[in-house]
Amino acid sequence: MKTFSFTGAKKIVFGRGSFADLPEHLAEQMVFRPLVVLDRTLAESGFREKVSGLLEQAGMGCVIYDKTEPEPPLELADESRTSSELFVASTMSVKAEIG
């Protein structure tokens, strides 16, 4: 049997009204421009605008990747990897400009 490791989320918050506190929880983790991953259904339901609006109101930017689907084909997985690499590169350039 192959061995593997899994590191879970540092913090999971749930309960009524917890979504409104998202910017505060991100700031605690020193995250100011998160990569938000949504499936198409959730994105089309208006959640994309809700999360981006909440983060924008808090002075945070975000990148939203909304093309996930159950059991994605390898091409979609590669596309999301490329998107995250571009996201990391753009974040690094922003940090370099600030620092």
C-alpha atoms as a PDB file:
ATOM      1  CA  MET A   1       0.000   0.000   0.000  1.00  0.00           C
ATOM      2  CA  LYS A   2       1.310   3.459  -0.913  1.00  0.00           C
ATOM      3  CA  THR A   3       1.644   5.988   1.844  1.00  0.00           C
ATOM      4  CA  PHE A   4       0.273   9.492   1.581  1.00  0.00           C
ATOM      5  CA  SER A   5      -0.214  12.529   3.727  1.00  0.00           C
ATOM      6  CA  PHE A   6      -3.057  14.975   4.006  1.00  0.00           C
ATOM      7  CA  THR A   7      -3.008  18.363   5.625  1.00  0.00           C
ATOM      8  CA  GLY A   8      -6.435  19.757   6.255  1.00  0.00           C
ATOM      9  CA  ALA A   9      -7.657  23.286   6.598  1.00  0.00           C
ATOM     10  CA  LYS A  10      -6.097  25.289   9.390  1.00  0.00           C
ATOM     11  CA  LYS A  11      -9.487  26.536  10.494  1.00  0.00           C
ATOM     12  CA  ILE A  12     -13.051  25.574   9.692  1.00  0.00           C
ATOM     13  CA  VAL A  13     -15.794  27.997  10.695  1.00  0.00           C
ATOM     14  CA  PHE A  14     -19.476  27.248  10.340  1.00  0.00           C
ATOM     15  CA  GLY A  15     -22.769  28.491  11.661  1.00  0.00           C
ATOM     16  CA  ARG A  16     -25.303  31.215  11.069  1.00  0.00           C
ATOM     17  CA  GLY A  17     -23.654  34.423   9.899  1.00  0.00           C
ATOM     18  CA  SER A  18     -20.186  32.906   9.596  1.00  0.00           C
ATOM     19  CA  PHE A  19     -19.892  33.822   5.900  1.00  0.00           C
ATOM     20  CA  ALA A  20     -19.968  37.538   6.764  1.00  0.00           C
ATOM     21  CA  ASP A  21     -16.820  37.043   8.850  1.00  0.00           C
ATOM     22  CA  LEU A  22     -14.844  35.527   5.956  1.00  0.00           C
ATOM     23  CA  PRO A  23     -12.571  38.574   5.431  1.00  0.00           C
ATOM     24  CA  GLU A  24     -11.660  38.574   9.128  1.00  0.00           C
ATOM     25  CA  HIS A  25     -10.801  34.862   9.077  1.00  0.00           C
ATOM     26  CA  LEU A  26      -8.704  35.272   5.929  1.00  0.00           C
ATOM     27  CA  ALA A  27      -6.815  38.202   7.448  1.00  0.00           C
ATOM     28  CA  GLU A  28      -6.003  36.080  10.524  1.00  0.00           C
ATOM     29  CA  GLN A  29      -4.258  33.673   8.154  1.00  0.00           C
ATOM     30  CA  MET A  30      -2.506  36.565   6.346  1.00  0.00           C
ATOM     31  CA  VAL A  31      -4.530  35.868   3.191  1.00  0.00           C
ATOM     32  CA  PHE A  32      -5.529  39.054   1.400  1.00  0.00           C
ATOM     33  CA  ARG A  33      -6.142  37.799  -2.149  1.00  0.00           C
ATOM     34  CA  PRO A  34      -7.602  34.287  -1.952  1.00  0.00           C
ATOM     35  CA  LEU A  35      -8.133  31.861  -4.786  1.00  0.00           C
ATOM     36  CA  VAL A  36     -11.826  30.930  -4.530  1.00  0.00           C
ATOM     37  CA  VAL A  37     -12.765  27.644  -6.218  1.00  0.00           C
ATOM     38  CA  LEU A  38     -16.438  27.115  -7.084  1.00  0.00           C
ATOM     39  CA  ASP A  39     -18.378  24.700  -9.220  1.00  0.00           C
ATOM     40  CA  ARG A  40     -20.434  26.136 -12.066  1.00  0.00           C
ATOM     41  CA  THR A  41     -23.755  25.673 -10.293  1.00  0.00           C
ATOM     42  CA  LEU A  42     -22.634  27.572  -7.212  1.00  0.00           C
ATOM     43  CA  ALA A  43     -21.105  30.312  -9.362  1.00  0.00           C
ATOM     44  CA  GLU A  44     -24.278  30.672 -11.424  1.00  0.00           C
ATOM     45  CA  SER A  45     -26.442  30.832  -8.293  1.00  0.00           C
ATOM     46  CA  GLY A  46     -25.017  34.246  -7.457  1.00  0.00           C
ATOM     47  CA  PHE A  47     -22.444  33.063  -4.937  1.00  0.00           C
ATOM     48  CA  ARG A  48     -19.578  34.238  -7.163  1.00  0.00           C
ATOM     49  CA  GLU A  49     -20.842  37.827  -6.876  1.00  0.00           C
ATOM     50  CA  LYS A  50     -21.624  37.438  -3.189  1.00  0.00           C
ATOM     51  CA  VAL A  51     -18.121  36.283  -2.246  1.00  0.00           C
ATOM     52  CA  SER A  52     -16.315  38.739  -4.515  1.00  0.00           C
ATOM     53  CA  GLY A  53     -18.497  41.601  -3.239  1.00  0.00           C
ATOM     54  CA  LEU A  54     -17.831  40.709   0.396  1.00  0.00           C
ATOM     55  CA  LEU A  55     -14.080  40.543  -0.160  1.00  0.00           C
ATOM     56  CA  GLU A  56     -14.051  43.723  -2.243  1.00  0.00           C
ATOM     57  CA  GLN A  57     -15.966  45.570   0.474  1.00  0.00           C
ATOM     58  CA  ALA A  58     -13.270  44.467   2.950  1.00  0.00           C
ATOM     59  CA  GLY A  59     -10.541  45.817   0.643  1.00  0.00           C
ATOM     60  CA  MET A  60      -9.439  42.352  -0.471  1.00  0.00           C
ATOM     61  CA  GLY A  61      -9.135  41.086  -3.993  1.00  0.00           C
ATOM     62  CA  CYS A  62      -9.712  37.520  -5.095  1.00  0.00           C
ATOM     63  CA  VAL A  63      -9.352  35.241  -8.059  1.00  0.00           C
ATOM     64  CA  ILE A  64     -12.342  33.017  -8.755  1.00  0.00           C
ATOM     65  CA  TYR A  65     -11.992  29.710 -10.583  1.00  0.00           C
ATOM     66  CA  ASP A  66     -15.506  28.469 -11.358  1.00  0.00           C
ATOM     67  CA  LYS A  67     -15.056  25.617 -13.806  1.00  0.00           C
ATOM     68  CA  THR A  68     -14.857  22.690 -11.431  1.00  0.00           C
ATOM     69  CA  GLU A  69     -17.102  19.692 -11.933  1.00  0.00           C
ATOM     70  CA  PRO A  70     -17.483  16.241 -10.385  1.00  0.00           C
ATOM     71  CA  GLU A  71     -14.744  13.852 -11.529  1.00  0.00           C
ATOM     72  CA  PRO A  72     -13.153  16.431 -13.832  1.00  0.00           C
ATOM     73  CA  PRO A  73     -11.346  15.354 -16.975  1.00  0.00           C
ATOM     74  CA  LEU A  74      -7.569  15.678 -16.841  1.00  0.00           C
ATOM     75  CA  GLU A  75      -7.689  18.708 -19.148  1.00  0.00           C
ATOM     76  CA  LEU A  76      -9.807  20.620 -16.625  1.00  0.00           C
ATOM     77  CA  ALA A  77      -7.498  19.630 -13.790  1.00  0.00           C
ATOM     78  CA  ASP A  78      -4.529  20.893 -15.843  1.00  0.00           C
ATOM     79  CA  GLU A  79      -6.362  24.161 -16.540  1.00  0.00           C
ATOM     80  CA  SER A  80      -7.038  24.732 -12.832  1.00  0.00           C
ATOM     81  CA  ARG A  81      -3.378  24.010 -12.064  1.00  0.00           C
ATOM     82  CA  THR A  82      -2.315  26.577 -14.663  1.00  0.00           C
ATOM     83  CA  SER A  83      -4.775  29.113 -13.214  1.00  0.00           C
ATOM     84  CA  SER A  84      -3.406  28.596  -9.724  1.00  0.00           C
ATOM     85  CA  GLU A  85       0.183  28.975 -11.000  1.00  0.00           C
ATOM     86  CA  LEU A  86      -0.753  32.261 -12.680  1.00  0.00           C
ATOM     87  CA  PHE A  87      -2.479  33.326  -9.462  1.00  0.00           C
ATOM     88  CA  VAL A  88       0.637  32.565  -7.410  1.00  0.00           C
ATOM     89  CA  ALA A  89       2.833  34.408  -9.909  1.00  0.00           C
ATOM     90  CA  SER A  90       0.597  37.495  -9.831  1.00  0.00           C
ATOM     91  CA  THR A  91       0.487  37.410  -6.035  1.00  0.00           C
ATOM     92  CA  MET A  92       4.266  37.177  -5.887  1.00  0.00           C
ATOM     93  CA  SER A  93       4.630  40.199  -8.167  1.00  0.00           C
ATOM     94  CA  VAL A  94       2.229  42.182  -5.979  1.00  0.00           C
ATOM     95  CA  LYS A  95       4.235  41.284  -2.872  1.00  0.00           C
ATOM     96  CA  ALA A  96       7.440  42.276  -4.633  1.00  0.00           C
ATOM     97  CA  GLU A  97       5.982  45.679  -5.525  1.00  0.00           C
ATOM     98  CA  ILE A  98       4.824  46.267  -1.953  1.00  0.00           C
ATOM     99  CA  GLY A  99       8.031  45.050  -0.311  1.00  0.00           C
END
